Amino acid sequence: MGAARTTFRSGLASLWLLGACLCATAAAAAEQDAVAAAIGAELDALMNPGVTSIRGAPVALGSRLGEFYSRREFRAAWTSAHPREQLLQALADSYHDGLNPDDYHLPLLQELSKQAMQPDATATLAAQYDILLTEALLRLAYHLTFGKVDPESFDPQWNYGRVLPGTDIAREIEDAIASETVYDRLTALKPSHRFYARLKQELARYRAIEKDGGWSTLPEGPSLKPGASDERVPALRARLLRSADLVDVAVSDPLHYDPALVAAIKQYQERTGLGADGVLGGATLAELNVPVASRILQLRVNLDRGRVLLQDLPKRFVIVNIAGYTVYLVEGQEVVWHARAQVGKTYRRTPLFRSEISYLVFNPTWTVPPGIIANDILPEARRDPRSIARRGLRVLDRNGRELDPATIDWSRFTSGHIPYTLRQDPGPSNALGRVKFMFPNPYQVYLHDTPSQSLFERPERAFSSGCVRVERAVELAEHVLADARRWNQDSIAKTVGAGELENVTLKRRIPVLLAYWTAWLDPKGRTNFRRDVYDQDAKWAQALNAPFAIRARPLFAAPEREM
């Protein structure tokens, strides 16, 4: 009887446990159903005119959210703690990329995270938390993939236009949450180029300087030359120590502008694009007195440019940094060649765009474009037609016959679109020098050599009418042609020396990027800052600090559907 009684009790216990489990399962299912109904209700409410937020947080990606939740029958997605924690960490870490975590509802999500753990948490609260987590994921992924600032609305000449292939975004979200790799997948969306990672490091360093009090403004005064003594020297030394341009060592005379301090100033001048003469003049003093907060904003702006520009880069390309007056040839992640450049004047800016160098022209002729005819040639020709010949230009009619400029009434032309061609023959004084690099674009802009070599010595080099003048352009031609047997140093010199125009088509086109960077790290690992010659940074910073917005142009191709 004892054994039977024990078996009976054990059976009752099992039935009780089974019933308890069934009740718990039913309760969990009911709770899930309630949350699903609440998610549906929240998304349905967003479809109504005037309803654009949840708990005061603007919802910008309602259509994406609707697609995602409808495909999972409105069930909550973030039921596991680990993916939630990963996402919240990624949102917080966006600060280190120069982004604003508030754009991704982080403060509200942190508060909802606490409330969702309370026993009296409602299905509505759980639904709102889940939806906002999903939108935060989408928002951050959007900015990491494309940058926050829309470059096409920023600059009408922009043609980089990144569009990702057919991407099933709902599936991507499901996979990231299910595999608990939310943080890693978001990290993978950032540019992988070392330029970006190093800018992030510098942003952190400058923020640490700001947190520690920044640096003081140096007083104005006469130019301070090496070897001099001045009461401003201690403040100058402290300033250079703050930016790590100077190593802290004992000095015998605190007022002496000694060689170590001179060397530090020269380094600072180099990395801010000034003439490295070691003299503390007005321009150097102005750069030293740029507040650390302004440098932080400059780094944030250029990090966002990185998110726009440093995606999908080819292995080999030419890039022009307009603000830095420099041309680079990049292979992999290494700069294999670089030279100084002259770019467009502030009122004839070099446009920002991407193209491909398709051919080179040795000993080019120069056909004067309408803009230069209107602004430079006609005003002088109206006074003295012989000025055209003095410029080394020939006047050709529509049949290619040469005309005497003195026989033409130049005063009757009001624009650069004249019924003649103004052309300069090949030669050492040709405006394009000995070689030009051609790539399709609607702006009549290209890279070329120049006889104005002395201008490369100027710290700021916005001298051209829009094209990019390249120092040591013949060297770049050898690199771009990449054909040591046919186009080596000797054969190029022979071709140039012959003085005859010759077009050379590249075996493989090479991408060329005309870009704008005001902050970067040079090969020595030094942070470089440049003045905003085209007044681009303030406008970019304003857009970077603006509320989240969706771009008008589609950024994803429609995904292919399975049949």
Protein backbone atom coordinates (compact mmCIF):
# COMPACT_ATOMS: atom_id res chain seq x y z
CA MET A 1 0.00 0.00 0.00
CA GLY A 2 2.90 2.36 0.84
CA ALA A 3 4.43 1.96 -2.59
CA ALA A 4 1.07 2.44 -4.29
CA ARG A 5 0.40 5.51 -2.17
CA THR A 6 3.83 6.96 -3.13
CA THR A 7 3.24 6.28 -6.81
CA PHE A 8 -0.15 7.91 -6.60
CA ARG A 9 1.31 11.00 -4.93
CA SER A 10 4.10 11.15 -7.53
CA GLY A 11 1.53 10.98 -10.29
CA LEU A 12 -0.44 13.81 -8.72
CA ALA A 13 2.73 15.90 -8.46
CA SER A 14 3.55 15.30 -12.12
CA LEU A 15 0.03 16.24 -13.12
CA TRP A 16 0.29 19.38 -10.98
CA LEU A 17 3.63 20.32 -12.55
CA LEU A 18 2.26 19.65 -16.03
CA GLY A 19 -0.76 21.77 -15.28
CA ALA A 20 1.42 24.54 -13.89
CA CYS A 21 3.59 24.45 -17.02
CA LEU A 22 0.52 24.49 -19.22
CA CYS A 23 -0.85 27.44 -17.28
CA ALA A 24 2.49 29.27 -17.50
CA THR A 25 2.70 28.55 -21.22
CA ALA A 26 -0.83 29.75 -21.71
CA ALA A 27 -0.11 32.86 -19.67
CA ALA A 28 3.06 33.55 -21.68
CA ALA A 29 1.17 33.01 -24.92
CA ALA A 30 -1.57 35.35 -23.75
CA GLU A 31 1.02 37.94 -22.79
CA GLN A 32 2.70 37.61 -26.19
CA ASP A 33 -0.66 37.95 -27.91
CA ALA A 34 -1.39 41.08 -25.90
CA VAL A 35 1.97 42.62 -26.85
CA ALA A 36 1.44 41.66 -30.51
CA ALA A 37 -1.97 43.33 -30.43
CA ALA A 38 -0.42 46.41 -28.84
CA ILE A 39 2.35 46.53 -31.49
CA GLY A 40 -0.29 46.35 -34.19
CA ALA A 41 -2.24 49.14 -32.53
CA GLU A 42 0.83 51.38 -32.22
CA LEU A 43 1.78 50.88 -35.87
CA ASP A 44 -1.80 51.40 -36.95
CA ALA A 45 -1.92 54.67 -35.04
CA LEU A 46 1.18 55.87 -36.90
CA MET A 47 -0.80 55.58 -40.12
CA ASN A 48 -3.15 58.34 -38.97
CA PRO A 49 -2.47 61.94 -40.05
CA GLY A 50 -0.64 63.91 -37.38
CA VAL A 51 0.58 60.86 -35.44
CA THR A 52 4.34 60.76 -35.92
CA SER A 53 5.73 59.72 -32.56
CA ILE A 54 5.68 57.14 -29.80
CA ARG A 55 6.05 58.50 -26.26
CA GLY A 56 7.22 61.78 -27.79
CA ALA A 57 9.96 60.10 -29.85
CA PRO A 58 9.59 60.90 -33.57
CA VAL A 59 9.18 57.79 -35.73
CA ALA A 60 10.74 58.32 -39.14
CA LEU A 61 10.79 54.78 -40.49
CA GLY A 62 7.18 53.75 -40.12
CA SER A 63 6.97 51.90 -43.43
CA ARG A 64 10.05 49.82 -42.60
CA LEU A 65 8.67 49.04 -39.17
CA GLY A 66 5.32 48.05 -40.62
CA GLU A 67 6.94 45.66 -43.09
CA PHE A 68 9.14 44.10 -40.41
CA TYR A 69 6.39 43.50 -37.84
CA SER A 70 3.72 42.43 -40.31
CA ARG A 71 6.02 39.67 -41.56
CA ARG A 72 6.38 38.36 -38.02
CA GLU A 73 2.65 38.74 -37.29
CA PHE A 74 3.39 41.69 -34.99
CA ARG A 75 5.15 39.52 -32.41
CA ALA A 76 7.73 41.27 -30.27
CA ALA A 77 11.26 40.96 -31.66
CA TRP A 78 13.47 41.94 -28.72
CA THR A 79 12.40 39.30 -26.22
CA SER A 80 15.98 38.17 -25.52
CA ALA A 81 18.07 40.33 -23.19
CA HIS A 82 21.42 39.95 -24.97
CA PRO A 83 20.43 41.54 -28.32
CA ARG A 84 18.79 44.40 -26.42
CA GLU A 85 21.95 45.02 -24.42
CA GLN A 86 24.05 44.88 -27.56
CA LEU A 87 21.86 47.41 -29.33
CA LEU A 88 21.83 49.81 -26.38
CA GLN A 89 25.61 49.57 -26.21
CA ALA A 90 25.93 50.28 -29.94
CA LEU A 91 23.65 53.29 -29.61
CA ALA A 92 25.77 54.64 -26.77
CA ASP A 93 28.99 53.96 -28.68
CA SER A 94 27.75 56.01 -31.65
CA TYR A 95 29.00 58.99 -29.65
CA HIS A 96 32.57 57.80 -30.34
CA ASP A 97 31.83 57.97 -34.08
CA GLY A 98 30.88 61.61 -33.74
CA LEU A 99 27.15 60.87 -33.89
CA ASN A 100 24.47 61.85 -31.40
CA PRO A 101 22.93 58.92 -29.46
CA ASP A 102 19.80 61.02 -28.96
CA ASP A 103 19.11 60.55 -32.69
CA TYR A 104 18.47 56.89 -31.83
CA HIS A 105 16.11 57.44 -28.87
CA LEU A 106 18.79 56.26 -26.41
CA PRO A 107 17.68 58.23 -23.30
CA LEU A 108 14.06 57.09 -23.78
CA LEU A 109 15.08 53.49 -24.47
CA GLN A 110 17.19 53.41 -21.32
CA GLU A 111 14.20 54.60 -19.30
CA LEU A 112 11.82 52.15 -20.99
CA SER A 113 14.31 49.35 -20.34
CA LYS A 114 13.93 49.95 -16.61
CA GLN A 115 10.16 50.24 -16.77
CA ALA A 116 9.82 47.07 -18.86
CA MET A 117 11.39 45.07 -16.03
CA GLN A 118 8.75 46.15 -13.52
CA PRO A 119 6.02 43.61 -12.60
CA ASP A 120 3.27 46.04 -13.54
CA ALA A 121 4.66 46.72 -17.05
CA THR A 122 1.82 46.84 -19.54
CA ALA A 123 1.58 45.29 -22.99
CA THR A 124 1.48 48.80 -24.45
CA LEU A 125 4.78 49.72 -22.79
CA ALA A 126 6.37 46.46 -24.03
CA ALA A 127 5.09 47.16 -27.55
CA GLN A 128 6.41 50.71 -27.57
CA TYR A 129 9.79 49.58 -26.25
CA ASP A 130 10.05 46.90 -28.93
CA ILE A 131 9.11 49.23 -31.79
CA LEU A 132 11.51 51.95 -30.68
CA LEU A 133 14.35 49.43 -30.34
CA THR A 134 13.77 48.36 -33.93
CA GLU A 135 13.64 51.91 -35.20
CA ALA A 136 16.81 52.77 -33.26
CA LEU A 137 18.57 49.87 -34.96
CA LEU A 138 17.40 51.06 -38.37
CA ARG A 139 18.36 54.67 -37.68
CA LEU A 140 21.89 53.85 -36.56
CA ALA A 141 22.43 51.40 -39.42
CA TYR A 142 21.25 54.11 -41.81
CA HIS A 143 23.79 56.65 -40.56
CA LEU A 144 26.68 54.20 -40.35
CA THR A 145 26.03 53.00 -43.90
CA PHE A 146 25.36 56.29 -45.69
CA GLY A 147 26.46 59.05 -43.32
CA LYS A 148 24.04 61.34 -41.56
CA VAL A 149 24.35 64.33 -43.90
CA ASP A 150 22.72 63.95 -47.30
CA PRO A 151 25.50 65.03 -49.69
CA GLU A 152 23.15 65.40 -52.65
CA SER A 153 21.04 68.05 -50.96
CA PHE A 154 24.24 69.53 -49.54
CA ASP A 155 25.91 69.90 -52.95
CA PRO A 156 23.95 69.75 -56.24
CA GLN A 157 27.11 68.63 -58.08
CA TRP A 158 27.39 65.48 -55.97
CA ASN A 159 27.37 62.26 -57.99
CA TYR A 160 28.77 59.63 -55.62
CA GLY A 161 25.21 58.30 -55.14
CA ARG A 162 25.64 55.05 -53.20
CA VAL A 163 22.82 52.53 -53.71
CA LEU A 164 23.04 49.12 -52.10
CA PRO A 165 21.85 46.07 -54.03
CA GLY A 166 18.55 44.40 -53.26
CA THR A 167 18.57 44.13 -49.47
CA ASP A 168 15.80 42.46 -47.49
CA ILE A 169 16.04 44.75 -44.49
CA ALA A 170 13.38 42.88 -42.49
CA ARG A 171 15.34 39.66 -42.94
CA GLU A 172 18.58 41.39 -41.94
CA ILE A 173 16.99 42.56 -38.69
CA GLU A 174 15.61 39.10 -37.94
CA ASP A 175 18.99 37.47 -38.56
CA ALA A 176 20.88 39.98 -36.42
CA ILE A 177 18.54 39.53 -33.46
CA ALA A 178 18.28 35.75 -33.78
CA SER A 179 22.04 35.25 -34.04
CA GLU A 180 22.67 37.76 -31.23
CA THR A 181 25.21 39.63 -33.35
CA VAL A 182 23.56 43.04 -33.32
CA TYR A 183 26.64 44.93 -32.10
CA ASP A 184 29.04 43.22 -34.52
CA ARG A 185 26.74 43.75 -37.49
CA LEU A 186 26.39 47.43 -36.75
CA THR A 187 30.15 47.76 -36.36
CA ALA A 188 30.64 46.09 -39.75
CA LEU A 189 28.61 48.87 -41.40
CA LYS A 190 31.26 51.49 -40.57
CA PRO A 191 33.99 52.31 -43.09
CA SER A 192 36.83 49.83 -42.69
CA HIS A 193 39.49 52.21 -43.99
CA ARG A 194 42.13 53.10 -41.40
CA PHE A 195 41.51 56.80 -42.11
CA TYR A 196 38.18 56.46 -40.31
CA ALA A 197 39.50 54.51 -37.33
CA ARG A 198 42.32 56.99 -36.79
CA LEU A 199 39.97 59.97 -36.93
CA LYS A 200 37.88 58.28 -34.24
CA GLN A 201 40.96 57.94 -32.06
CA GLU A 202 41.73 61.62 -32.48
CA LEU A 203 38.14 62.56 -31.66
CA ALA A 204 38.47 60.68 -28.38
CA ARG A 205 41.80 62.38 -27.66
CA TYR A 206 40.49 65.87 -28.31
CA ARG A 207 37.41 65.19 -26.22
CA ALA A 208 39.70 64.14 -23.37
CA ILE A 209 41.58 67.43 -23.77
CA GLU A 210 38.28 69.31 -23.62
CA LYS A 211 37.18 67.39 -20.52
CA ASP A 212 40.47 68.32 -18.89
CA GLY A 213 39.89 72.00 -19.48
CA GLY A 214 40.97 72.52 -23.07
CA TRP A 215 43.62 75.13 -23.74
CA SER A 216 43.89 78.84 -23.06
CA THR A 217 43.85 81.56 -25.68
CA LEU A 218 47.31 82.94 -26.39
CA PRO A 219 47.65 86.73 -26.25
CA GLU A 220 48.39 88.70 -29.38
CA GLY A 221 51.71 90.43 -29.88
CA PRO A 222 54.54 90.95 -32.32
CA SER A 223 55.84 87.99 -34.30
CA LEU A 224 57.96 85.73 -32.14
CA LYS A 225 61.12 84.54 -33.89
CA PRO A 226 63.47 81.69 -32.92
CA GLY A 227 65.93 82.64 -30.21
CA ALA A 228 63.86 85.54 -28.89
CA SER A 229 62.60 85.99 -25.33
CA ASP A 230 59.00 86.85 -24.65
CA GLU A 231 56.57 86.77 -21.72
CA ARG A 232 54.15 84.72 -23.89
CA VAL A 233 56.55 81.77 -24.17
CA PRO A 234 55.31 79.91 -21.03
CA ALA A 235 51.72 80.11 -22.30
CA LEU A 236 52.87 78.96 -25.75
CA ARG A 237 54.72 76.02 -24.20
CA ALA A 238 51.63 75.04 -22.19
CA ARG A 239 49.47 75.24 -25.32
CA LEU A 240 51.77 72.97 -27.35
CA LEU A 241 51.99 70.50 -24.48
CA ARG A 242 48.18 70.26 -24.45
CA SER A 243 48.05 69.30 -28.12
CA ALA A 244 51.04 66.91 -27.77
CA ASP A 245 53.18 68.92 -30.19
CA LEU A 246 55.79 69.38 -27.46
CA VAL A 247 57.34 66.98 -24.96
CA ASP A 248 57.47 68.22 -21.38
CA VAL A 249 61.12 68.69 -20.38
CA ALA A 250 62.88 71.00 -17.96
CA VAL A 251 63.97 74.35 -19.44
CA SER A 252 66.65 76.69 -18.13
CA ASP A 253 64.96 79.90 -19.27
CA PRO A 254 61.15 79.80 -19.32
CA LEU A 255 60.94 82.95 -21.47
CA HIS A 256 63.35 81.71 -24.16
CA TYR A 257 61.89 80.65 -27.51
CA ASP A 258 64.27 77.72 -27.63
CA PRO A 259 64.97 75.17 -30.42
CA ALA A 260 62.62 72.53 -28.96
CA LEU A 261 59.76 75.01 -28.91
CA VAL A 262 60.62 76.19 -32.43
CA ALA A 263 60.56 72.58 -33.66
CA ALA A 264 57.15 72.10 -32.03
CA ILE A 265 55.80 75.22 -33.74
CA LYS A 266 57.14 74.02 -37.10
CA GLN A 267 55.35 70.70 -36.61
CA TYR A 268 52.15 72.52 -35.69
CA GLN A 269 52.49 74.72 -38.77
CA GLU A 270 52.99 71.66 -40.98
CA ARG A 271 49.93 69.89 -39.69
CA THR A 272 47.75 72.98 -40.03
CA GLY A 273 48.91 73.77 -43.57
CA LEU A 274 51.02 76.83 -42.77
CA GLY A 275 54.51 77.69 -43.93
CA ALA A 276 56.79 75.88 -41.47
CA ASP A 277 59.16 78.77 -40.68
CA GLY A 278 59.04 78.46 -36.88
CA VAL A 279 57.86 82.05 -36.50
CA LEU A 280 54.84 82.66 -34.29
CA GLY A 281 53.03 85.15 -36.53
CA GLY A 282 49.39 86.11 -36.87
CA ALA A 283 48.31 83.10 -38.95
CA THR A 284 49.98 80.59 -36.60
CA LEU A 285 48.57 82.34 -33.55
CA ALA A 286 45.07 82.21 -35.07
CA GLU A 287 45.37 78.44 -35.61
CA LEU A 288 46.68 77.88 -32.08
CA ASN A 289 43.71 79.82 -30.71
CA VAL A 290 41.07 77.74 -32.48
CA PRO A 291 39.09 76.35 -29.50
CA VAL A 292 39.27 72.64 -28.81
CA ALA A 293 35.47 72.47 -29.20
CA SER A 294 35.87 73.71 -32.79
CA ARG A 295 38.47 71.03 -33.49
CA ILE A 296 36.12 68.40 -32.07
CA LEU A 297 33.34 69.56 -34.39
CA GLN A 298 35.79 69.52 -37.30
CA LEU A 299 36.67 65.90 -36.51
CA ARG A 300 32.99 64.95 -36.25
CA VAL A 301 32.24 66.59 -39.62
CA ASN A 302 35.07 64.71 -41.31
CA LEU A 303 34.06 61.41 -39.72
CA ASP A 304 30.65 61.85 -41.29
CA ARG A 305 32.32 62.64 -44.61
CA GLY A 306 34.15 59.36 -44.09
CA ARG A 307 30.87 57.48 -43.72
CA VAL A 308 29.77 59.02 -47.02
CA LEU A 309 33.00 58.67 -49.00
CA LEU A 310 34.97 55.75 -47.60
CA GLN A 311 32.53 53.01 -48.55
CA ASP A 312 32.91 50.69 -51.56
CA LEU A 313 36.33 52.07 -52.42
CA PRO A 314 38.25 50.41 -55.23
CA LYS A 315 41.65 48.90 -54.49
CA ARG A 316 43.43 51.57 -56.53
CA PHE A 317 42.31 55.16 -57.01
CA VAL A 318 43.38 58.78 -57.23
CA ILE A 319 41.91 61.17 -54.68
CA VAL A 320 42.14 64.93 -54.59
CA ASN A 321 41.72 66.57 -51.20
CA ILE A 322 40.58 70.02 -52.27
CA ALA A 323 40.78 71.58 -48.80
CA GLY A 324 44.22 70.03 -48.29
CA TYR A 325 45.55 71.05 -51.74
CA THR A 326 46.93 67.54 -52.22
CA VAL A 327 46.60 64.67 -54.71
CA TYR A 328 47.10 61.07 -53.60
CA LEU A 329 47.41 57.75 -55.37
CA VAL A 330 46.09 55.02 -53.08
CA GLU A 331 46.60 51.28 -53.40
CA GLY A 332 44.82 49.17 -50.83
CA GLN A 333 44.98 51.39 -47.75
CA GLU A 334 48.43 52.79 -48.52
CA VAL A 335 49.29 56.12 -50.11
CA VAL A 336 51.91 55.17 -52.70
CA TRP A 337 52.33 58.66 -54.18
CA HIS A 338 51.25 62.16 -53.30
CA ALA A 339 51.95 65.71 -54.42
CA ARG A 340 50.76 69.23 -53.84
CA ALA A 341 47.88 70.59 -55.87
CA GLN A 342 46.36 73.90 -56.87
CA VAL A 343 42.56 73.98 -56.87
CA GLY A 344 39.77 76.32 -57.89
CA LYS A 345 39.47 79.82 -56.52
CA THR A 346 36.75 80.39 -53.95
CA TYR A 347 34.54 81.93 -56.64
CA ARG A 348 35.41 79.22 -59.21
CA ARG A 349 35.36 76.17 -57.00
CA THR A 350 36.62 72.78 -57.99
CA PRO A 351 33.47 70.61 -57.89
CA LEU A 352 33.16 67.52 -55.71
CA PHE A 353 32.43 64.41 -57.74
CA ARG A 354 33.66 60.96 -58.70
CA SER A 355 34.69 59.73 -62.15
CA GLU A 356 37.28 57.49 -63.84
CA ILE A 357 40.46 58.53 -65.61
CA SER A 358 40.14 57.01 -69.06
CA TYR A 359 43.05 58.52 -70.97
CA LEU A 360 46.02 60.87 -70.74
CA VAL A 361 47.16 63.58 -73.14
CA PHE A 362 50.86 64.32 -73.43
CA ASN A 363 51.76 67.77 -74.77
CA PRO A 364 48.11 68.88 -74.72
CA THR A 365 46.68 71.89 -76.43
CA TRP A 366 44.50 74.11 -74.29
CA THR A 367 41.09 75.13 -75.53
CA VAL A 368 39.91 78.00 -73.37
CA PRO A 369 36.52 77.20 -71.75
CA PRO A 370 33.65 79.71 -71.86
CA GLY A 371 33.97 80.66 -68.19
CA ILE A 372 37.58 81.75 -68.57
CA ILE A 373 36.80 83.51 -71.85
CA ALA A 374 34.06 85.53 -70.14
CA ASN A 375 35.91 86.34 -66.93
CA ASP A 376 39.55 86.57 -67.99
CA ILE A 377 39.93 86.95 -71.76
CA LEU A 378 37.13 89.25 -72.93
CA PRO A 379 37.57 92.12 -70.44
CA GLU A 380 41.16 92.63 -71.58
CA ALA A 381 40.49 91.84 -75.28
CA ARG A 382 37.85 94.58 -75.42
CA ARG A 383 40.56 97.08 -74.47
CA ASP A 384 43.38 95.50 -76.50
CA PRO A 385 42.75 92.58 -78.91
CA ARG A 386 46.50 91.92 -79.06
CA SER A 387 46.31 90.68 -75.48
CA ILE A 388 44.98 87.38 -76.86
CA ALA A 389 48.17 86.77 -78.84
CA ARG A 390 50.31 87.82 -75.88
CA ARG A 391 48.65 85.06 -73.90
CA GLY A 392 49.88 82.58 -76.51
CA LEU A 393 46.38 81.93 -77.81
CA ARG A 394 45.26 81.44 -81.41
CA VAL A 395 41.79 82.39 -82.64
CA LEU A 396 40.15 79.75 -84.86
CA ASP A 397 36.84 80.03 -86.68
CA ARG A 398 34.32 77.19 -87.03
CA ASN A 399 36.28 75.80 -90.01
CA GLY A 400 39.55 75.75 -88.08
CA ARG A 401 41.03 78.74 -89.91
CA GLU A 402 43.23 81.04 -87.85
CA LEU A 403 42.12 84.66 -87.55
CA ASP A 404 43.89 87.82 -86.49
CA PRO A 405 42.33 88.82 -83.13
CA ALA A 406 42.74 92.48 -84.09
CA THR A 407 40.14 91.99 -86.85
CA ILE A 408 37.40 91.00 -84.41
CA ASP A 409 35.18 93.36 -82.44
CA TRP A 410 35.40 91.71 -79.02
CA SER A 411 33.12 94.27 -77.42
CA ARG A 412 30.06 92.69 -79.06
CA PHE A 413 30.37 89.50 -76.96
CA THR A 414 28.62 89.49 -73.59
CA SER A 415 29.35 85.88 -72.60
CA GLY A 416 32.05 83.29 -73.03
CA HIS A 417 30.08 81.47 -75.72
CA ILE A 418 31.67 83.08 -78.74
CA PRO A 419 31.72 81.79 -82.36
CA TYR A 420 35.48 81.20 -82.16
CA THR A 421 37.84 78.74 -80.51
CA LEU A 422 40.71 80.14 -78.47
CA ARG A 423 43.50 77.58 -78.36
CA GLN A 424 47.01 77.40 -76.97
CA ASP A 425 49.52 75.11 -78.71
CA PRO A 426 51.60 72.51 -76.82
CA GLY A 427 54.76 73.73 -75.18
CA PRO A 428 56.40 74.57 -71.87
CA SER A 429 54.22 77.66 -71.38
CA ASN A 430 50.95 75.85 -72.15
CA ALA A 431 48.46 76.36 -69.31
CA LEU A 432 48.04 72.58 -68.98
CA GLY A 433 51.76 71.88 -68.89
CA ARG A 434 53.00 68.60 -70.32
CA VAL A 435 50.18 66.20 -69.42
CA LYS A 436 46.50 66.22 -68.55
CA PHE A 437 44.37 63.44 -67.08
CA MET A 438 40.94 63.09 -68.64
CA PHE A 439 37.80 61.77 -66.99
CA PRO A 440 34.16 62.30 -68.04
CA ASN A 441 32.32 65.06 -66.17
CA PRO A 442 29.93 67.88 -67.06
CA TYR A 443 32.16 70.59 -65.53
CA GLN A 444 35.07 70.53 -68.03
CA VAL A 445 37.35 69.78 -65.10
CA TYR A 446 40.43 67.57 -65.16
CA LEU A 447 43.84 67.11 -63.55
CA HIS A 448 46.82 68.59 -65.33
CA ASP A 449 50.40 69.81 -65.16
CA THR A 450 51.12 73.55 -65.00
CA PRO A 451 53.91 75.97 -65.83
CA SER A 452 53.03 77.88 -62.64
CA GLN A 453 55.28 75.70 -60.48
CA SER A 454 56.19 78.47 -58.04
CA LEU A 455 52.60 78.60 -56.79
CA PHE A 456 53.02 75.14 -55.24
CA GLU A 457 55.19 76.79 -52.60
CA ARG A 458 52.25 78.78 -51.25
CA PRO A 459 50.55 77.30 -48.15
CA GLU A 460 47.06 77.99 -49.56
CA ARG A 461 46.71 77.13 -53.24
CA ALA A 462 43.24 78.07 -54.50
CA PHE A 463 44.46 79.61 -57.77
CA SER A 464 42.85 77.73 -60.66
CA SER A 465 39.59 78.22 -62.53
CA GLY A 466 38.25 74.86 -61.35
CA CYS A 467 40.69 72.27 -62.69
CA VAL A 468 43.28 70.66 -60.45
CA ARG A 469 46.91 71.52 -61.17
CA VAL A 470 49.19 68.70 -60.05
CA GLU A 471 52.78 68.99 -58.92
CA ARG A 472 55.09 66.41 -60.56
CA ALA A 473 52.23 65.47 -62.87
CA VAL A 474 54.50 63.47 -65.18
CA GLU A 475 55.29 61.15 -62.24
CA LEU A 476 51.59 60.64 -61.67
CA ALA A 477 51.19 59.80 -65.36
CA GLU A 478 53.72 56.97 -65.02
CA HIS A 479 51.85 55.58 -61.98
CA VAL A 480 48.43 55.86 -63.63
CA LEU A 481 49.56 54.21 -66.88
CA ALA A 482 51.05 51.30 -64.86
CA ASP A 483 52.84 49.92 -67.91
CA ALA A 484 56.56 49.84 -67.15
CA ARG A 485 57.45 48.30 -70.52
CA ARG A 486 55.68 50.85 -72.70
CA TRP A 487 55.42 53.87 -70.41
CA ASN A 488 58.42 54.19 -68.14
CA GLN A 489 60.34 57.26 -67.07
CA ASP A 490 62.54 57.31 -70.18
CA SER A 491 59.78 56.74 -72.73
CA ILE A 492 57.57 59.37 -71.11
CA ALA A 493 60.44 61.87 -71.14
CA LYS A 494 61.03 61.12 -74.82
CA THR A 495 57.34 61.62 -75.65
CA VAL A 496 57.17 64.87 -73.71
CA GLY A 497 60.41 66.07 -75.29
CA ALA A 498 59.06 65.51 -78.80
CA GLY A 499 56.47 68.20 -78.14
CA GLU A 500 53.76 66.49 -80.20
CA LEU A 501 50.26 65.93 -78.85
CA GLU A 502 49.66 62.25 -78.04
CA ASN A 503 46.58 60.63 -76.49
CA VAL A 504 47.15 57.47 -74.46
CA THR A 505 44.18 55.33 -73.43
CA LEU A 506 44.56 53.53 -70.11
CA LYS A 507 44.47 49.74 -70.22
CA ARG A 508 42.32 49.90 -67.13
CA ARG A 509 40.44 52.98 -66.01
CA ILE A 510 41.32 54.30 -62.58
CA PRO A 511 38.72 55.95 -60.34
CA VAL A 512 39.32 59.56 -59.36
CA LEU A 513 37.61 61.16 -56.37
CA LEU A 514 37.47 64.91 -55.91
CA ALA A 515 36.73 65.23 -52.22
CA TYR A 516 36.95 67.72 -49.37
CA TRP A 517 38.67 66.94 -46.07
CA THR A 518 39.55 69.51 -43.42
CA ALA A 519 40.82 66.97 -40.88
CA TRP A 520 42.85 63.78 -41.35
CA LEU A 521 45.93 61.96 -40.10
CA ASP A 522 49.10 62.11 -42.19
CA PRO A 523 51.53 59.18 -42.71
CA LYS A 524 53.42 60.29 -39.58
CA GLY A 525 50.27 59.82 -37.52
CA ARG A 526 49.79 63.55 -36.94
CA THR A 527 46.36 65.13 -36.97
CA ASN A 528 46.10 67.62 -39.81
CA PHE A 529 43.59 70.46 -39.83
CA ARG A 530 42.93 72.83 -42.70
CA ARG A 531 41.01 76.03 -43.09
CA ASP A 532 37.58 75.63 -44.65
CA VAL A 533 38.47 77.36 -47.92
CA TYR A 534 35.05 76.73 -49.52
CA ASP A 535 32.99 77.31 -46.34
CA GLN A 536 31.69 73.75 -46.32
CA ASP A 537 32.20 72.69 -42.70
CA ALA A 538 29.67 74.98 -41.02
CA LYS A 539 26.92 73.84 -43.37
CA TRP A 540 27.85 70.18 -42.88
CA ALA A 541 27.97 70.62 -39.10
CA GLN A 542 24.51 72.19 -39.12
CA ALA A 543 23.12 69.18 -40.98
CA LEU A 544 25.04 66.79 -38.71
CA ASN A 545 23.45 68.34 -35.63
CA ALA A 546 19.96 68.52 -37.15
CA PRO A 547 17.22 66.00 -36.24
CA PHE A 548 17.13 62.62 -37.99
CA ALA A 549 15.71 62.78 -41.52
CA ILE A 550 15.24 60.36 -44.41
CA ARG A 551 16.76 61.21 -47.77
CA ALA A 552 14.45 61.63 -50.72
CA ARG A 553 16.50 59.44 -53.08
CA PRO A 554 16.11 55.66 -52.61
CA LEU A 555 19.27 54.16 -51.14
CA PHE A 556 18.34 50.50 -51.55
CA ALA A 557 17.45 48.68 -54.74
CA ALA A 558 14.28 46.65 -54.45
CA PRO A 559 15.11 43.15 -53.17
CA GLU A 560 14.50 40.23 -55.42
CA ARG A 561 11.51 38.16 -54.33
CA GLU A 562 11.56 34.39 -54.38
CA MET A 563 9.09 32.89 -56.85
